[in-house]
Protein backbone atom coordinates (compact mmCIF):
# COMPACT_ATOMS: atom_id res chain seq x y z
CA MET A 1 -19.95 49.86 25.21
CA ALA A 2 -18.10 46.80 26.54
CA MET A 3 -18.68 43.51 24.81
CA ASN A 4 -20.09 40.61 26.76
CA PRO A 5 -18.22 37.23 26.74
CA TYR A 6 -20.31 35.83 23.87
CA GLN A 7 -19.50 38.83 21.68
CA LYS A 8 -15.78 38.56 22.47
CA ILE A 9 -15.72 34.85 21.57
CA ALA A 10 -17.65 35.44 18.34
CA VAL A 11 -15.33 38.25 17.21
CA THR A 12 -12.20 36.24 18.08
CA ALA A 13 -13.43 33.11 16.27
CA SER A 14 -14.40 35.14 13.21
CA GLY A 15 -10.91 36.60 13.10
CA VAL A 16 -9.36 33.16 13.27
CA VAL A 17 -11.55 31.96 10.38
CA ILE A 18 -10.60 34.96 8.26
CA GLY A 19 -6.91 34.41 9.07
CA PHE A 20 -7.02 30.78 8.02
CA GLY A 21 -8.96 31.73 4.90
CA THR A 22 -6.01 33.84 3.71
CA LEU A 23 -3.55 30.94 4.03
CA LYS A 24 -2.44 29.16 0.89
CA VAL A 25 -3.76 25.62 1.17
CA SER A 26 -1.61 22.94 -0.43
CA PRO A 27 -3.23 19.57 -1.07
CA ALA A 28 -2.00 16.59 0.93
CA TYR A 29 -1.85 13.11 -0.52
CA ALA A 30 -2.43 9.60 0.70
CA ILE A 31 0.80 7.64 0.66
CA ILE A 32 -0.30 4.01 0.31
CA ARG A 33 0.44 2.61 -3.14
CA THR A 34 -1.00 -0.64 -4.49
CA VAL A 35 0.56 -2.56 -7.36
CA ASP A 36 -1.00 -5.46 -9.25
CA PHE A 37 1.32 -8.14 -10.57
CA THR A 38 0.71 -10.84 -13.16
CA ILE A 39 2.88 -13.81 -14.03
CA THR A 40 2.80 -14.92 -17.65
CA ASP A 41 4.48 -17.68 -19.65
CA VAL A 42 4.23 -20.05 -16.68
CA THR A 43 6.17 -23.26 -17.23
CA GLN A 44 6.32 -26.37 -15.08
CA SER A 45 8.34 -29.52 -14.74
CA ALA A 46 7.75 -32.45 -12.40
CA ALA A 47 10.30 -34.72 -10.82
CA TYR A 48 9.59 -38.45 -11.25
CA GLY A 49 7.08 -37.84 -14.05
CA GLY A 50 4.10 -36.50 -12.11
CA PRO A 51 0.92 -35.49 -13.96
CA PRO A 52 0.82 -31.84 -15.08
CA LEU A 53 -0.63 -29.29 -12.69
CA VAL A 54 -3.68 -27.36 -13.87
CA ILE A 55 -2.57 -23.72 -13.83
CA GLU A 56 -4.86 -20.89 -14.90
CA GLN A 57 -2.71 -18.27 -16.58
CA PRO A 58 -1.80 -15.60 -15.90
CA LEU A 59 -1.20 -15.94 -12.19
CA SER A 60 -2.06 -12.71 -10.42
CA GLY A 61 -1.77 -10.91 -7.10
CA PHE A 62 -1.14 -7.51 -5.54
CA TYR A 63 0.98 -5.76 -2.96
CA SER A 64 0.81 -2.42 -1.13
CA PHE A 65 3.46 -0.22 0.46
CA ASP A 66 3.79 3.12 2.22
CA ASP A 67 6.22 5.31 0.31
CA GLN A 68 6.83 7.43 3.42
CA SER A 69 8.10 4.46 5.43
CA THR A 70 11.76 3.64 5.97
CA PRO A 71 13.18 1.74 2.97
CA VAL A 72 14.87 -1.62 3.39
CA ILE A 73 18.35 -1.85 1.89
CA VAL A 74 18.79 -5.07 -0.09
CA PRO A 75 22.27 -6.58 0.42
CA PRO A 76 24.88 -6.32 -0.79
CA ALA A 77 24.88 -2.55 -0.37
CA GLU A 78 26.87 -2.16 -3.59
CA ILE A 79 23.81 -2.90 -5.72
CA ASN A 80 22.15 0.25 -4.32
CA LEU A 81 18.66 -1.24 -4.14
CA SER A 82 16.20 -0.06 -1.47
CA LEU A 83 12.59 -1.22 -1.23
CA PHE A 84 9.67 -0.34 1.03
CA PRO A 85 8.35 -3.02 3.40
CA LEU A 86 4.96 -4.25 2.26
CA THR A 87 1.78 -3.30 4.13
CA ASP A 88 -0.48 -5.79 2.31
CA PHE A 89 -0.09 -8.72 -0.05
CA GLY A 90 -2.29 -11.24 -1.81
CA PHE A 91 -1.40 -14.05 -4.20
CA ASN A 92 -3.11 -17.31 -5.17
CA LEU A 93 -0.67 -19.96 -6.33
CA ASN A 94 -2.21 -23.22 -7.47
CA GLY A 95 -4.95 -23.15 -4.84
CA ARG A 96 -2.74 -21.80 -2.02
CA GLN A 97 -3.64 -18.29 -0.89
CA PHE A 98 -0.67 -16.24 0.28
CA GLY A 99 -1.06 -13.21 2.52
CA LEU A 100 1.27 -10.78 4.23
CA GLU A 101 1.90 -13.31 7.02
CA ASP A 102 3.25 -15.86 4.52
CA ILE A 103 5.97 -13.75 2.96
CA SER A 104 9.51 -13.05 4.05
CA GLY A 105 12.30 -10.89 2.78
CA TYR A 106 12.34 -7.45 1.32
CA GLY A 107 9.53 -5.54 -0.39
CA GLY A 108 8.81 -3.34 -3.36
CA THR A 109 8.16 -0.02 -5.03
CA ALA A 110 5.84 0.92 -7.89
CA THR A 111 8.25 -0.65 -10.39
CA ASP A 112 10.34 -3.10 -8.34
CA LEU A 113 9.46 -6.18 -6.31
CA PHE A 114 11.80 -8.56 -4.51
CA ILE A 115 9.91 -10.98 -2.29
CA GLY A 116 9.52 -14.64 -1.35
CA GLY A 117 7.00 -16.69 0.57
CA SER A 118 6.09 -20.20 1.64
CA LYS A 119 3.12 -22.22 2.84
CA THR A 120 3.58 -24.84 5.54
CA GLU A 121 1.14 -27.73 5.46
CA GLY A 122 1.44 -30.70 7.79
CA ASN A 123 4.70 -29.29 9.24
CA ASN A 124 6.24 -29.35 5.76
CA ILE A 125 6.73 -26.54 3.28
CA GLU A 126 4.47 -27.65 0.44
CA THR A 127 4.49 -24.48 -1.66
CA ASN A 128 7.04 -21.70 -1.95
CA PHE A 129 7.80 -18.94 -4.43
CA SER A 130 10.07 -15.99 -5.14
CA ILE A 131 9.54 -12.96 -7.34
CA SER A 132 12.42 -10.84 -8.56
CA ALA A 133 11.10 -8.00 -10.71
CA ILE A 134 13.68 -5.24 -10.66
CA ASN A 135 13.23 -2.57 -13.32
CA ARG A 136 16.81 -1.32 -13.14
CA PRO A 137 19.88 -1.63 -15.37
CA ASP A 138 22.37 -4.41 -14.60
CA PHE A 139 19.74 -6.65 -13.00
CA ALA A 140 18.75 -10.05 -14.29
CA GLU A 141 15.53 -10.44 -16.25
CA PRO A 142 12.45 -10.31 -13.97
CA ARG A 143 11.67 -13.83 -12.87
CA PHE A 144 9.13 -15.87 -10.91
CA ASN A 145 10.15 -19.23 -9.46
CA ALA A 146 8.14 -21.64 -7.35
CA THR A 147 8.09 -25.16 -6.00
CA ALA A 148 4.92 -27.12 -5.33
CA ILE A 149 4.85 -30.51 -3.62
CA ARG A 150 1.75 -32.52 -4.44
CA GLY A 151 1.81 -36.00 -3.00
CA SER A 152 5.07 -37.67 -4.00
CA PHE A 153 5.73 -35.27 -6.87
CA VAL A 154 7.78 -32.09 -6.79
CA TYR A 155 6.92 -29.44 -9.36
CA SER A 156 9.14 -26.56 -10.39
CA LEU A 157 7.37 -23.52 -11.81
CA GLY A 158 8.70 -20.48 -13.62
CA GLY A 159 7.38 -17.37 -15.32
CA LYS A 160 7.74 -13.67 -16.03
CA PRO A 161 6.29 -11.13 -13.55
CA GLN A 162 4.83 -7.85 -14.72
CA LEU A 163 3.90 -4.97 -12.41
CA GLN A 164 1.29 -2.25 -12.81
CA LEU A 165 0.53 0.58 -10.37
CA ARG A 166 -3.19 0.42 -9.64
CA ASN A 167 -3.95 3.70 -7.89
CA THR A 168 -2.77 7.28 -7.86
CA PRO A 169 -2.37 9.57 -4.83
CA VAL A 170 -5.73 10.68 -3.43
CA SER A 171 -6.13 14.32 -2.41
CA VAL A 172 -7.14 14.74 1.24
CA PRO A 173 -7.83 17.94 3.25
CA GLU A 174 -4.92 19.64 4.98
CA GLY A 175 -5.05 19.92 8.76
CA SER A 176 -5.41 23.71 8.52
CA THR A 177 -8.45 23.32 6.27
CA LEU A 178 -10.13 20.98 8.74
CA PHE A 179 -9.35 23.36 11.61
CA SER A 180 -10.86 26.28 9.71
CA VAL A 181 -14.07 24.34 9.14
CA CYS A 182 -14.30 23.49 12.85
CA VAL A 183 -13.72 27.10 13.93
CA PHE A 184 -16.31 28.31 11.41
CA GLY A 185 -18.84 25.87 12.87
CA LEU A 186 -18.15 27.04 16.42
CA THR A 187 -18.49 30.66 15.32
CA THR A 188 -21.90 29.95 13.85
CA ILE A 189 -23.06 28.37 17.11
CA PHE A 190 -21.85 31.31 19.22
CA ILE A 191 -23.53 33.87 16.92
CA LYS A 192 -26.83 31.99 17.10
CA ARG A 193 -26.63 31.87 20.89
CA LEU A 194 -25.75 35.58 20.97
CA ASN A 195 -28.71 36.52 18.77
CA LYS A 196 -31.04 34.40 20.87
CA LYS A 197 -29.84 36.13 24.05
CA ASN A 198 -30.26 39.59 22.51
CA ASN A 199 -33.80 38.75 21.42
CA ILE A 200 -34.63 37.70 24.96
């Protein structure tokens, strides 16, 4: 006996589901990494004898990067340092909140960060900083440097940055798994419609 269109669709969809069910499913992973950084042993000095700044230690912030993006090569090429451009950034420095739009320069990895940023207030750069935290041989000790202008006083800040990877890759469904679920759902709908038609 020939099958009607509903029966053909149901049989075909069931075959597709069974075929996908026999595939080996490998987990996929999210690729955004977030690293927290802290700056300890913060020192300061003021030109012209300004009053000390009130600094809550340690200073802290975070940055994120996509480890599947194209790395940025840090010149000179001989130092063989490549970093990922940052996708997010946050850092509070003495009451000035820095975001991704305030930074310039290179980027980071889970263990390396080479970045700088500045805040312009009243058409003048009032606060700027740089972080060089490179966990590689032959590099200088990780260092944080900053300048803060408060009134007529210029403050120079320094400290030691430390990095810590916050998150781990998160398992997400493969495309084939999602497709199998969709096909299974469609199969169920067709079978219900087929049964309803047969009952009628």
